[in-house]
C-alpha atoms as a PDB file:
ATOM      1  CA  MET A   1     -16.420 -25.961 -22.309  1.00  0.00           C
ATOM      2  CA  SER A   2     -17.614 -23.450 -24.905  1.00  0.00           C
ATOM      3  CA  ALA A   3     -19.199 -20.127 -23.991  1.00  0.00           C
ATOM      4  CA  ARG A   4     -22.650 -21.329 -24.927  1.00  0.00           C
ATOM      5  CA  HIS A   5     -22.387 -24.203 -22.444  1.00  0.00           C
ATOM      6  CA  ARG A   6     -20.831 -22.196 -19.633  1.00  0.00           C
ATOM      7  CA  PRO A   7     -23.059 -22.451 -16.545  1.00  0.00           C
ATOM      8  CA  ALA A   8     -25.143 -19.342 -15.982  1.00  0.00           C
ATOM      9  CA  GLU A   9     -26.020 -18.001 -12.546  1.00  0.00           C
ATOM     10  CA  GLN A  10     -29.377 -19.767 -12.714  1.00  0.00           C
ATOM     11  CA  PRO A  11     -29.566 -23.344 -14.080  1.00  0.00           C
ATOM     12  CA  ALA A  12     -32.240 -23.890 -16.701  1.00  0.00           C
ATOM     13  CA  LEU A  13     -33.702 -26.888 -14.873  1.00  0.00           C
ATOM     14  CA  VAL A  14     -33.099 -28.425 -11.468  1.00  0.00           C
ATOM     15  CA  VAL A  15     -34.846 -31.722 -10.649  1.00  0.00           C
ATOM     16  CA  GLU A  16     -34.482 -32.971  -7.068  1.00  0.00           C
ATOM     17  CA  HIS A  17     -35.539 -36.451  -5.938  1.00  0.00           C
ATOM     18  CA  ILE A  18     -38.674 -36.367  -8.059  1.00  0.00           C
ATOM     19  CA  SER A  19     -40.879 -39.466  -7.862  1.00  0.00           C
ATOM     20  CA  LYS A  20     -44.175 -40.588  -9.348  1.00  0.00           C
ATOM     21  CA  PHE A  21     -46.176 -43.646  -8.330  1.00  0.00           C
ATOM     22  CA  PHE A  22     -49.010 -45.254 -10.253  1.00  0.00           C
ATOM     23  CA  HIS A  23     -51.439 -47.702  -8.693  1.00  0.00           C
ATOM     24  CA  LEU A  24     -51.865 -50.866 -10.733  1.00  0.00           C
ATOM     25  CA  PRO A  25     -54.639 -53.426 -10.147  1.00  0.00           C
ATOM     26  CA  GLN A  26     -53.556 -56.502  -8.226  1.00  0.00           C
ATOM     27  CA  PRO A  27     -54.507 -59.988  -9.437  1.00  0.00           C
ATOM     28  CA  PRO A  28     -57.050 -61.955  -7.379  1.00  0.00           C
ATOM     29  CA  LEU A  29     -55.829 -63.066  -3.950  1.00  0.00           C
ATOM     30  CA  TRP A  30     -55.802 -66.769  -4.820  1.00  0.00           C
ATOM     31  CA  LYS A  31     -53.500 -66.086  -7.780  1.00  0.00           C
ATOM     32  CA  ARG A  32     -51.099 -64.102  -5.614  1.00  0.00           C
ATOM     33  CA  LEU A  33     -51.040 -66.837  -2.983  1.00  0.00           C
ATOM     34  CA  LEU A  34     -50.442 -69.568  -5.532  1.00  0.00           C
ATOM     35  CA  GLY A  35     -47.820 -67.456  -7.267  1.00  0.00           C
ATOM     36  CA  ALA A  36     -46.004 -67.098  -3.950  1.00  0.00           C
ATOM     37  CA  ARG A  37     -46.313 -70.854  -3.357  1.00  0.00           C
ATOM     38  CA  VAL A  38     -47.662 -70.540   0.166  1.00  0.00           C
ATOM     39  CA  GLU A  39     -50.324 -72.600   1.887  1.00  0.00           C
ATOM     40  CA  LEU A  40     -53.850 -71.230   1.917  1.00  0.00           C
ATOM     41  CA  PRO A  41     -54.846 -70.012   5.387  1.00  0.00           C
ATOM     42  CA  ALA A  42     -57.771 -71.555   7.183  1.00  0.00           C
ATOM     43  CA  PRO A  43     -61.262 -70.162   6.578  1.00  0.00           C
ATOM     44  CA  GLY A  44     -61.789 -66.950   8.509  1.00  0.00           C
ATOM     45  CA  GLU A  45     -58.070 -66.179   8.509  1.00  0.00           C
ATOM     46  CA  LEU A  46     -57.867 -64.712   4.993  1.00  0.00           C
ATOM     47  CA  PRO A  47     -56.331 -61.234   4.961  1.00  0.00           C
ATOM     48  CA  VAL A  48     -58.698 -58.461   3.958  1.00  0.00           C
ATOM     49  CA  ILE A  49     -57.354 -57.804   0.447  1.00  0.00           C
ATOM     50  CA  SER A  50     -60.046 -57.595  -2.178  1.00  0.00           C
ATOM     51  CA  GLU A  51     -59.713 -58.446  -5.841  1.00  0.00           C
ATOM     52  CA  GLY A  52     -58.707 -55.417  -7.885  1.00  0.00           C
ATOM     53  CA  GLU A  53     -56.939 -53.744  -4.977  1.00  0.00           C
ATOM     54  CA  LYS A  54     -54.196 -51.442  -6.229  1.00  0.00           C
ATOM     55  CA  ALA A  55     -50.519 -51.442  -5.274  1.00  0.00           C
ATOM     56  CA  PRO A  56     -48.179 -48.465  -5.928  1.00  0.00           C
ATOM     57  CA  VAL A  57     -45.540 -48.858  -8.652  1.00  0.00           C
ATOM     58  CA  ALA A  58     -42.759 -46.285  -9.084  1.00  0.00           C
ATOM     59  CA  ALA A  59     -42.633 -44.992 -12.664  1.00  0.00           C
ATOM     60  CA  VAL A  60     -40.045 -42.343 -11.720  1.00  0.00           C
ATOM     61  CA  ASP A  61     -38.035 -43.043  -8.592  1.00  0.00           C
ATOM     62  CA  HIS A  62     -36.018 -40.294  -6.808  1.00  0.00           C
ATOM     63  CA  VAL A  63     -34.627 -38.767 -10.008  1.00  0.00           C
ATOM     64  CA  SER A  64     -32.242 -35.814  -9.650  1.00  0.00           C
ATOM     65  CA  PHE A  65     -30.260 -33.842 -12.248  1.00  0.00           C
ATOM     66  CA  THR A  66     -29.392 -30.279 -13.261  1.00  0.00           C
ATOM     67  CA  ILE A  67     -29.383 -28.820 -16.784  1.00  0.00           C
ATOM     68  CA  GLU A  68     -27.395 -25.662 -17.404  1.00  0.00           C
ATOM     69  CA  ARG A  69     -28.604 -22.907 -19.692  1.00  0.00           C
ATOM     70  CA  GLY A  70     -27.869 -23.658 -23.356  1.00  0.00           C
ATOM     71  CA  GLU A  71     -27.387 -27.401 -22.938  1.00  0.00           C
ATOM     72  CA  ILE A  72     -28.952 -30.181 -24.948  1.00  0.00           C
ATOM     73  CA  PHE A  73     -29.506 -32.840 -22.312  1.00  0.00           C
ATOM     74  CA  GLY A  74     -30.654 -36.361 -23.167  1.00  0.00           C
ATOM     75  CA  VAL A  75     -32.539 -38.903 -21.068  1.00  0.00           C
ATOM     76  CA  LEU A  76     -31.947 -42.320 -22.607  1.00  0.00           C
ATOM     77  CA  GLY A  77     -33.873 -45.512 -22.087  1.00  0.00           C
ATOM     78  CA  PRO A  78     -36.186 -48.051 -23.707  1.00  0.00           C
ATOM     79  CA  ASN A  79     -39.968 -47.880 -23.771  1.00  0.00           C
ATOM     80  CA  GLY A  80     -41.408 -48.167 -20.259  1.00  0.00           C
ATOM     81  CA  SER A  81     -38.305 -46.877 -18.506  1.00  0.00           C
ATOM     82  CA  GLY A  82     -39.975 -43.705 -17.190  1.00  0.00           C
ATOM     83  CA  LYS A  83     -38.776 -41.169 -19.785  1.00  0.00           C
ATOM     84  CA  SER A  84     -42.179 -39.874 -20.838  1.00  0.00           C
ATOM     85  CA  THR A  85     -43.463 -39.773 -17.251  1.00  0.00           C
ATOM     86  CA  LEU A  86     -40.462 -37.636 -16.329  1.00  0.00           C
ATOM     87  CA  ILE A  87     -41.241 -35.185 -19.156  1.00  0.00           C
ATOM     88  CA  ARG A  88     -44.892 -34.988 -18.071  1.00  0.00           C
ATOM     89  CA  LEU A  89     -43.825 -34.213 -14.507  1.00  0.00           C
ATOM     90  CA  ILE A  90     -41.524 -31.384 -15.595  1.00  0.00           C
ATOM     91  CA  SER A  91     -44.149 -29.956 -17.963  1.00  0.00           C
ATOM     92  CA  THR A  92     -46.739 -30.011 -15.100  1.00  0.00           C
ATOM     93  CA  LEU A  93     -49.034 -32.471 -16.892  1.00  0.00           C
ATOM     94  CA  LEU A  94     -48.512 -34.766 -13.901  1.00  0.00           C
ATOM     95  CA  THR A  95     -47.969 -33.862 -10.259  1.00  0.00           C
ATOM     96  CA  ALA A  96     -45.014 -35.429  -8.509  1.00  0.00           C
ATOM     97  CA  ASP A  97     -45.670 -37.510  -5.391  1.00  0.00           C
ATOM     98  CA  ARG A  98     -42.269 -36.562  -4.008  1.00  0.00           C
ATOM     99  CA  GLY A  99     -39.488 -34.144  -4.852  1.00  0.00           C
ATOM    100  CA  CYS A 100     -39.538 -30.913  -6.816  1.00  0.00           C
ATOM    101  CA  ALA A 101     -38.406 -29.248 -10.035  1.00  0.00           C
ATOM    102  CA  ARG A 102     -37.414 -25.639 -10.744  1.00  0.00           C
ATOM    103  CA  ILE A 103     -37.250 -23.952 -14.152  1.00  0.00           C
ATOM    104  CA  PHE A 104     -34.867 -20.981 -14.012  1.00  0.00           C
ATOM    105  CA  GLY A 105     -35.541 -20.852 -10.289  1.00  0.00           C
ATOM    106  CA  ILE A 106     -39.343 -21.095 -10.574  1.00  0.00           C
ATOM    107  CA  ASP A 107     -40.856 -23.968  -8.592  1.00  0.00           C
ATOM    108  CA  ILE A 108     -43.240 -25.724 -10.978  1.00  0.00           C
ATOM    109  CA  ARG A 109     -45.647 -26.602  -8.183  1.00  0.00           C
ATOM    110  CA  ALA A 110     -45.623 -23.252  -6.360  1.00  0.00           C
ATOM    111  CA  ASP A 111     -45.941 -21.148  -9.531  1.00  0.00           C
ATOM    112  CA  GLU A 112     -47.169 -23.460 -12.268  1.00  0.00           C
ATOM    113  CA  MET A 113     -48.372 -20.757 -14.678  1.00  0.00           C
ATOM    114  CA  ALA A 114     -45.069 -18.863 -14.583  1.00  0.00           C
ATOM    115  CA  ALA A 115     -43.168 -22.098 -15.263  1.00  0.00           C
ATOM    116  CA  LYS A 116     -45.434 -23.001 -18.194  1.00  0.00           C
ATOM    117  CA  GLN A 117     -44.662 -19.716 -19.904  1.00  0.00           C
ATOM    118  CA  LEU A 118     -41.004 -20.759 -20.181  1.00  0.00           C
ATOM    119  CA  ILE A 119     -41.501 -24.215 -21.688  1.00  0.00           C
ATOM    120  CA  SER A 120     -42.857 -25.992 -24.719  1.00  0.00           C
ATOM    121  CA  ARG A 121     -43.298 -29.747 -25.098  1.00  0.00           C
ATOM    122  CA  VAL A 122     -43.316 -32.107 -28.060  1.00  0.00           C
ATOM    123  CA  SER A 123     -44.766 -35.563 -27.486  1.00  0.00           C
ATOM    124  CA  VAL A 124     -44.362 -38.619 -29.671  1.00  0.00           C
ATOM    125  CA  ASP A 125     -48.172 -38.794 -29.624  1.00  0.00           C
ATOM    126  CA  ALA A 126     -48.903 -35.133 -30.277  1.00  0.00           C
ATOM    127  CA  ALA A 127     -52.544 -34.028 -30.407  1.00  0.00           C
ATOM    128  CA  PHE A 128     -53.996 -31.907 -33.210  1.00  0.00           C
ATOM    129  CA  PHE A 129     -57.244 -30.727 -34.667  1.00  0.00           C
ATOM    130  CA  LYS A 130     -57.129 -33.399 -37.348  1.00  0.00           C
ATOM    131  CA  LYS A 131     -59.685 -31.714 -39.609  1.00  0.00           C
ATOM    132  CA  LEU A 132     -57.559 -28.557 -39.722  1.00  0.00           C
ATOM    133  CA  SER A 133     -54.406 -28.011 -41.750  1.00  0.00           C
ATOM    134  CA  PRO A 134     -50.851 -27.686 -40.396  1.00  0.00           C
ATOM    135  CA  MET A 135     -50.976 -23.920 -40.866  1.00  0.00           C
ATOM    136  CA  GLU A 136     -54.306 -23.625 -39.048  1.00  0.00           C
ATOM    137  CA  ASN A 137     -53.031 -25.757 -36.161  1.00  0.00           C
ATOM    138  CA  LEU A 138     -49.880 -23.651 -35.873  1.00  0.00           C
ATOM    139  CA  LEU A 139     -51.726 -20.333 -35.958  1.00  0.00           C
ATOM    140  CA  TYR A 140     -54.157 -21.550 -33.295  1.00  0.00           C
ATOM    141  CA  GLY A 141     -51.319 -22.728 -31.052  1.00  0.00           C
ATOM    142  CA  ALA A 142     -49.430 -19.467 -31.515  1.00  0.00           C
ATOM    143  CA  ARG A 143     -52.390 -17.375 -30.406  1.00  0.00           C
ATOM    144  CA  LEU A 144     -52.590 -19.374 -27.170  1.00  0.00           C
ATOM    145  CA  TYR A 145     -49.047 -18.168 -26.427  1.00  0.00           C
ATOM    146  CA  GLY A 146     -49.836 -14.560 -27.340  1.00  0.00           C
ATOM    147  CA  VAL A 147     -48.115 -14.542 -30.752  1.00  0.00           C
ATOM    148  CA  THR A 148     -49.977 -12.387 -33.266  1.00  0.00           C
ATOM    149  CA  GLY A 149     -51.430 -13.966 -36.393  1.00  0.00           C
ATOM    150  CA  SER A 150     -49.179 -12.105 -38.841  1.00  0.00           C
ATOM    151  CA  GLU A 151     -46.018 -12.862 -36.854  1.00  0.00           C
ATOM    152  CA  ALA A 152     -47.005 -16.508 -36.417  1.00  0.00           C
ATOM    153  CA  LYS A 153     -47.681 -16.958 -40.128  1.00  0.00           C
ATOM    154  CA  ILE A 154     -44.234 -15.691 -41.086  1.00  0.00           C
ATOM    155  CA  LYS A 155     -42.575 -17.959 -38.529  1.00  0.00           C
ATOM    156  CA  ALA A 156     -44.741 -20.944 -39.526  1.00  0.00           C
ATOM    157  CA  TYR A 157     -43.722 -20.707 -43.189  1.00  0.00           C
ATOM    158  CA  GLU A 158     -40.068 -20.477 -42.203  1.00  0.00           C
ATOM    159  CA  ILE A 159     -40.124 -23.375 -39.740  1.00  0.00           C
ATOM    160  CA  LEU A 160     -42.206 -25.744 -41.876  1.00  0.00           C
ATOM    161  CA  GLY A 161     -39.861 -25.074 -44.784  1.00  0.00           C
ATOM    162  CA  ARG A 162     -36.779 -25.751 -42.653  1.00  0.00           C
ATOM    163  CA  LEU A 163     -38.295 -29.062 -41.562  1.00  0.00           C
ATOM    164  CA  GLY A 164     -38.752 -30.158 -45.171  1.00  0.00           C
ATOM    165  CA  LEU A 165     -42.548 -29.936 -45.564  1.00  0.00           C
ATOM    166  CA  LYS A 166     -43.729 -28.987 -49.047  1.00  0.00           C
ATOM    167  CA  ARG A 167     -45.907 -25.889 -49.310  1.00  0.00           C
ATOM    168  CA  ALA A 168     -48.694 -27.909 -50.895  1.00  0.00           C
ATOM    169  CA  THR A 169     -49.132 -29.741 -47.579  1.00  0.00           C
ATOM    170  CA  TYR A 170     -49.540 -26.588 -45.465  1.00  0.00           C
ATOM    171  CA  THR A 171     -53.262 -26.386 -46.192  1.00  0.00           C
ATOM    172  CA  GLU A 172     -54.116 -30.111 -46.300  1.00  0.00           C
ATOM    173  CA  PRO A 173     -56.090 -31.676 -43.409  1.00  0.00           C
ATOM    174  CA  MET A 174     -53.814 -33.193 -40.774  1.00  0.00           C
ATOM    175  CA  GLU A 175     -55.785 -36.452 -40.914  1.00  0.00           C
ATOM    176  CA  GLU A 176     -54.533 -37.019 -44.480  1.00  0.00           C
ATOM    177  CA  MET A 177     -50.876 -36.714 -43.510  1.00  0.00           C
ATOM    178  CA  SER A 178     -48.527 -39.535 -42.522  1.00  0.00           C
ATOM    179  CA  ARG A 179     -47.520 -39.953 -38.892  1.00  0.00           C
ATOM    180  CA  GLY A 180     -44.015 -38.734 -39.716  1.00  0.00           C
ATOM    181  CA  MET A 181     -45.330 -35.547 -41.296  1.00  0.00           C
ATOM    182  CA  GLN A 182     -47.637 -34.962 -38.335  1.00  0.00           C
ATOM    183  CA  GLN A 183     -44.638 -35.254 -36.038  1.00  0.00           C
ATOM    184  CA  LYS A 184     -42.853 -32.541 -37.993  1.00  0.00           C
ATOM    185  CA  VAL A 185     -45.850 -30.254 -37.505  1.00  0.00           C
ATOM    186  CA  ALA A 186     -45.727 -30.982 -33.758  1.00  0.00           C
ATOM    187  CA  ILE A 187     -42.070 -29.956 -33.703  1.00  0.00           C
ATOM    188  CA  ALA A 188     -42.847 -26.813 -35.712  1.00  0.00           C
ATOM    189  CA  ARG A 189     -45.604 -25.907 -33.243  1.00  0.00           C
ATOM    190  CA  ALA A 190     -43.161 -26.118 -30.331  1.00  0.00           C
ATOM    191  CA  PHE A 191     -40.489 -24.065 -32.109  1.00  0.00           C
ATOM    192  CA  LEU A 192     -43.020 -21.417 -33.140  1.00  0.00           C
ATOM    193  CA  THR A 193     -43.105 -19.792 -29.706  1.00  0.00           C
ATOM    194  CA  SER A 194     -39.296 -19.791 -29.252  1.00  0.00           C
ATOM    195  CA  PRO A 195     -39.411 -21.446 -25.815  1.00  0.00           C
ATOM    196  CA  ILE A 196     -36.592 -20.950 -23.316  1.00  0.00           C
ATOM    197  CA  LEU A 197     -36.844 -24.608 -22.215  1.00  0.00           C
ATOM    198  CA  LEU A 198     -37.900 -27.111 -24.868  1.00  0.00           C
ATOM    199  CA  LEU A 199     -39.010 -30.587 -23.750  1.00  0.00           C
ATOM    200  CA  LEU A 200     -38.805 -33.132 -26.577  1.00  0.00           C
ATOM    201  CA  ASP A 201     -40.255 -36.577 -25.872  1.00  0.00           C
ATOM    202  CA  GLU A 202     -38.871 -38.881 -28.603  1.00  0.00           C
ATOM    203  CA  PRO A 203     -39.325 -36.149 -31.245  1.00  0.00           C
ATOM    204  CA  THR A 204     -37.899 -38.060 -34.223  1.00  0.00           C
ATOM    205  CA  THR A 205     -39.773 -41.340 -33.745  1.00  0.00           C
ATOM    206  CA  GLY A 206     -41.499 -42.253 -36.998  1.00  0.00           C
ATOM    207  CA  LEU A 207     -39.346 -39.948 -39.138  1.00  0.00           C
ATOM    208  CA  ASP A 208     -37.223 -41.149 -42.054  1.00  0.00           C
ATOM    209  CA  PRO A 209     -33.413 -40.701 -41.842  1.00  0.00           C
ATOM    210  CA  ARG A 210     -33.398 -37.468 -43.861  1.00  0.00           C
ATOM    211  CA  SER A 211     -36.151 -35.939 -41.738  1.00  0.00           C
ATOM    212  CA  LYS A 212     -34.291 -36.935 -38.574  1.00  0.00           C
ATOM    213  CA  ARG A 213     -31.219 -35.053 -39.807  1.00  0.00           C
ATOM    214  CA  GLU A 214     -33.342 -31.972 -40.572  1.00  0.00           C
ATOM    215  CA  VAL A 215     -34.878 -32.036 -37.101  1.00  0.00           C
ATOM    216  CA  ARG A 216     -31.494 -32.490 -35.416  1.00  0.00           C
ATOM    217  CA  ALA A 217     -30.032 -29.552 -37.341  1.00  0.00           C
ATOM    218  CA  PHE A 218     -32.988 -27.362 -36.422  1.00  0.00           C
ATOM    219  CA  ILE A 219     -32.719 -28.305 -32.747  1.00  0.00           C
ATOM    220  CA  GLU A 220     -29.068 -27.254 -32.715  1.00  0.00           C
ATOM    221  CA  GLU A 221     -29.892 -24.025 -34.537  1.00  0.00           C
ATOM    222  CA  LEU A 222     -32.624 -23.232 -32.026  1.00  0.00           C
ATOM    223  CA  ARG A 223     -30.189 -23.733 -29.164  1.00  0.00           C
ATOM    224  CA  ASP A 224     -27.448 -21.641 -30.788  1.00  0.00           C
ATOM    225  CA  SER A 225     -29.511 -18.761 -32.190  1.00  0.00           C
ATOM    226  CA  HIS A 226     -32.378 -18.484 -29.662  1.00  0.00           C
ATOM    227  CA  ASP A 227     -30.562 -19.272 -26.384  1.00  0.00           C
ATOM    228  CA  ALA A 228     -32.839 -22.268 -25.796  1.00  0.00           C
ATOM    229  CA  THR A 229     -32.157 -25.135 -23.411  1.00  0.00           C
ATOM    230  CA  ILE A 230     -33.358 -28.530 -24.611  1.00  0.00           C
ATOM    231  CA  LEU A 231     -34.266 -31.728 -22.757  1.00  0.00           C
ATOM    232  CA  ILE A 232     -34.757 -34.659 -25.115  1.00  0.00           C
ATOM    233  CA  THR A 233     -35.831 -38.211 -24.311  1.00  0.00           C
ATOM    234  CA  THR A 234     -34.973 -40.923 -26.777  1.00  0.00           C
ATOM    235  CA  HIS A 235     -34.169 -44.583 -27.204  1.00  0.00           C
ATOM    236  CA  ASP A 236     -32.053 -43.695 -30.273  1.00  0.00           C
ATOM    237  CA  MET A 237     -28.500 -43.880 -28.949  1.00  0.00           C
ATOM    238  CA  GLU A 238     -26.923 -42.636 -32.181  1.00  0.00           C
ATOM    239  CA  GLU A 239     -29.153 -39.564 -32.099  1.00  0.00           C
ATOM    240  CA  ALA A 240     -28.193 -38.864 -28.490  1.00  0.00           C
ATOM    241  CA  ASP A 241     -24.496 -39.274 -29.249  1.00  0.00           C
ATOM    242  CA  LEU A 242     -24.671 -36.766 -32.110  1.00  0.00           C
ATOM    243  CA  LEU A 243     -26.956 -34.233 -30.471  1.00  0.00           C
ATOM    244  CA  CYS A 244     -26.561 -34.177 -26.691  1.00  0.00           C
ATOM    245  CA  ASP A 245     -23.970 -32.367 -24.582  1.00  0.00           C
ATOM    246  CA  ARG A 246     -24.729 -34.665 -21.640  1.00  0.00           C
ATOM    247  CA  VAL A 247     -26.976 -37.671 -21.152  1.00  0.00           C
ATOM    248  CA  SER A 248     -28.576 -39.625 -18.328  1.00  0.00           C
ATOM    249  CA  VAL A 249     -29.428 -43.305 -18.615  1.00  0.00           C
ATOM    250  CA  ILE A 250     -32.755 -44.228 -17.008  1.00  0.00           C
ATOM    251  CA  HIS A 251     -33.660 -47.786 -16.047  1.00  0.00           C
ATOM    252  CA  GLU A 252     -36.878 -48.827 -14.301  1.00  0.00           C
ATOM    253  CA  GLY A 253     -37.530 -45.247 -13.242  1.00  0.00           C
ATOM    254  CA  ARG A 254     -34.079 -44.554 -11.803  1.00  0.00           C
ATOM    255  CA  LEU A 255     -31.122 -42.676 -13.282  1.00  0.00           C
ATOM    256  CA  VAL A 256     -28.133 -45.015 -13.313  1.00  0.00           C
ATOM    257  CA  ALA A 257     -25.531 -42.719 -14.923  1.00  0.00           C
ATOM    258  CA  THR A 258     -25.086 -39.098 -16.068  1.00  0.00           C
ATOM    259  CA  ASP A 259     -22.166 -37.711 -18.092  1.00  0.00           C
ATOM    260  CA  THR A 260     -21.118 -36.657 -21.570  1.00  0.00           C
ATOM    261  CA  PRO A 261     -21.553 -39.332 -24.262  1.00  0.00           C
ATOM    262  CA  ALA A 262     -17.779 -39.509 -24.712  1.00  0.00           C
ATOM    263  CA  ALA A 263     -17.128 -39.983 -20.979  1.00  0.00           C
ATOM    264  CA  LEU A 264     -19.766 -42.710 -20.681  1.00  0.00           C
ATOM    265  CA  LYS A 265     -18.231 -44.593 -23.587  1.00  0.00           C
ATOM    266  CA  ARG A 266     -14.729 -44.233 -22.145  1.00  0.00           C
ATOM    267  CA  SER A 267     -15.953 -45.659 -18.857  1.00  0.00           C
ATOM    268  CA  ILE A 268     -16.594 -49.074 -20.415  1.00  0.00           C
ATOM    269  CA  ALA A 269     -13.877 -49.123 -23.094  1.00  0.00           C
ATOM    270  CA  THR A 270     -11.735 -52.273 -23.011  1.00  0.00           C
ATOM    271  CA  ASN A 271      -8.827 -53.537 -25.123  1.00  0.00           C
ATOM    272  CA  GLY A 272      -8.830 -50.431 -27.287  1.00  0.00           C
ATOM    273  CA  GLU A 273     -12.387 -51.016 -28.518  1.00  0.00           C
ATOM    274  CA  GLN A 274     -14.681 -48.093 -29.323  1.00  0.00           C
ATOM    275  CA  PRO A 275     -18.008 -48.790 -27.562  1.00  0.00           C
ATOM    276  CA  THR A 276     -21.292 -47.127 -28.500  1.00  0.00           C
ATOM    277  CA  LEU A 277     -23.893 -45.560 -26.221  1.00  0.00           C
ATOM    278  CA  GLU A 278     -25.979 -48.678 -26.713  1.00  0.00           C
ATOM    279  CA  ASP A 279     -23.061 -50.694 -25.328  1.00  0.00           C
ATOM    280  CA  VAL A 280     -23.046 -48.335 -22.341  1.00  0.00           C
ATOM    281  CA  PHE A 281     -26.771 -48.824 -21.815  1.00  0.00           C
ATOM    282  CA  MET A 282     -26.505 -52.619 -21.978  1.00  0.00           C
ATOM    283  CA  ARG A 283     -23.596 -52.599 -19.524  1.00  0.00           C
ATOM    284  CA  LEU A 284     -25.475 -50.394 -17.059  1.00  0.00           C
ATOM    285  CA  THR A 285     -28.870 -52.067 -17.260  1.00  0.00           C
ATOM    286  CA  GLY A 286     -28.280 -55.556 -18.625  1.00  0.00           C
ATOM    287  CA  GLU A 287     -31.049 -54.963 -21.164  1.00  0.00           C
ATOM    288  CA  LYS A 288     -31.281 -54.427 -24.910  1.00  0.00           C
ATOM    289  CA  LEU A 289     -33.093 -51.463 -26.344  1.00  0.00           C
ATOM    290  CA  VAL A 290     -36.426 -51.933 -28.106  1.00  0.00           C
ATOM    291  CA  ASP A 291     -36.380 -50.142 -31.451  1.00  0.00           C
ATOM    292  CA  ARG A 292     -39.725 -48.393 -31.495  1.00  0.00           C
ATOM    293  CA  ASP A 293     -39.201 -47.115 -35.051  1.00  0.00           C
ATOM    294  CA  ALA A 294     -39.068 -50.702 -36.287  1.00  0.00           C
ATOM    295  CA  THR A 295     -42.650 -51.184 -35.100  1.00  0.00           C
ATOM    296  CA  GLU A 296     -44.018 -48.240 -37.034  1.00  0.00           C
ATOM    297  CA  ALA A 297     -46.221 -48.961 -40.035  1.00  0.00           C
ATOM    298  CA  PRO A 298     -44.587 -48.469 -43.451  1.00  0.00           C
ATOM    299  CA  GLY A 299     -44.970 -45.010 -44.868  1.00  0.00           C
ATOM    300  CA  THR A 300     -45.454 -43.249 -41.520  1.00  0.00           C
END
């Protein structure tokens, strides 16, 4: 284990048995009874369950893991597996129904504001002021974190350039930019404040292969030069293999395995074959991944 990955006295993130339930509408009673293939009860004996009643569904179910300072830690799974809900819980956008999380020892529920000062989050569906330019959005975001305008402008030029955006686009309205370019601006906005814990929710979705490489290189540079710890969710197994020190596989809200990419692949190797992380995922969950990038509109 290299010096940069050596565990510090205080882990960057500790998640303990965290759970989140959502309440989904139930179908009408007669549909549930017919679906269960049971006989209808006599009049007056119907249970008191009204149409539209809601039943709890676990989106994240007793998830526990620890990320050491300086790690790039991946949470892998297809759409709907609970990855984004987990990120929202850690970033305090959602409140857990059970369990807890601590960022460098700070309980996110007991001291939410202190925890927020240590993190930055990038979502696959990042929000912007669409009428404003990338530079204007970045300067506005920087001021919210207490970064001065002059300092933010210098950093913004540097980061946007490293991510491959042309200077001519810095002052164009965000609404005129492709989805892929908007995603780069979202990543730049997160990097601008040099967070200690960076939460990346499918950050390269919608980016072309060259842009993905640029983002990966910048993530590694941020970790190495700014002592940042990074949690990344993705369904891109190749990206996780190249980028992450350790990964967890999530399936239907539960973590089913956690280890280094190499160790996970060794665990299912047979007859001298070299399995991929996608092979690992299919072995652990019995499901194929859904390639979200393939559903993106051309040119995004």
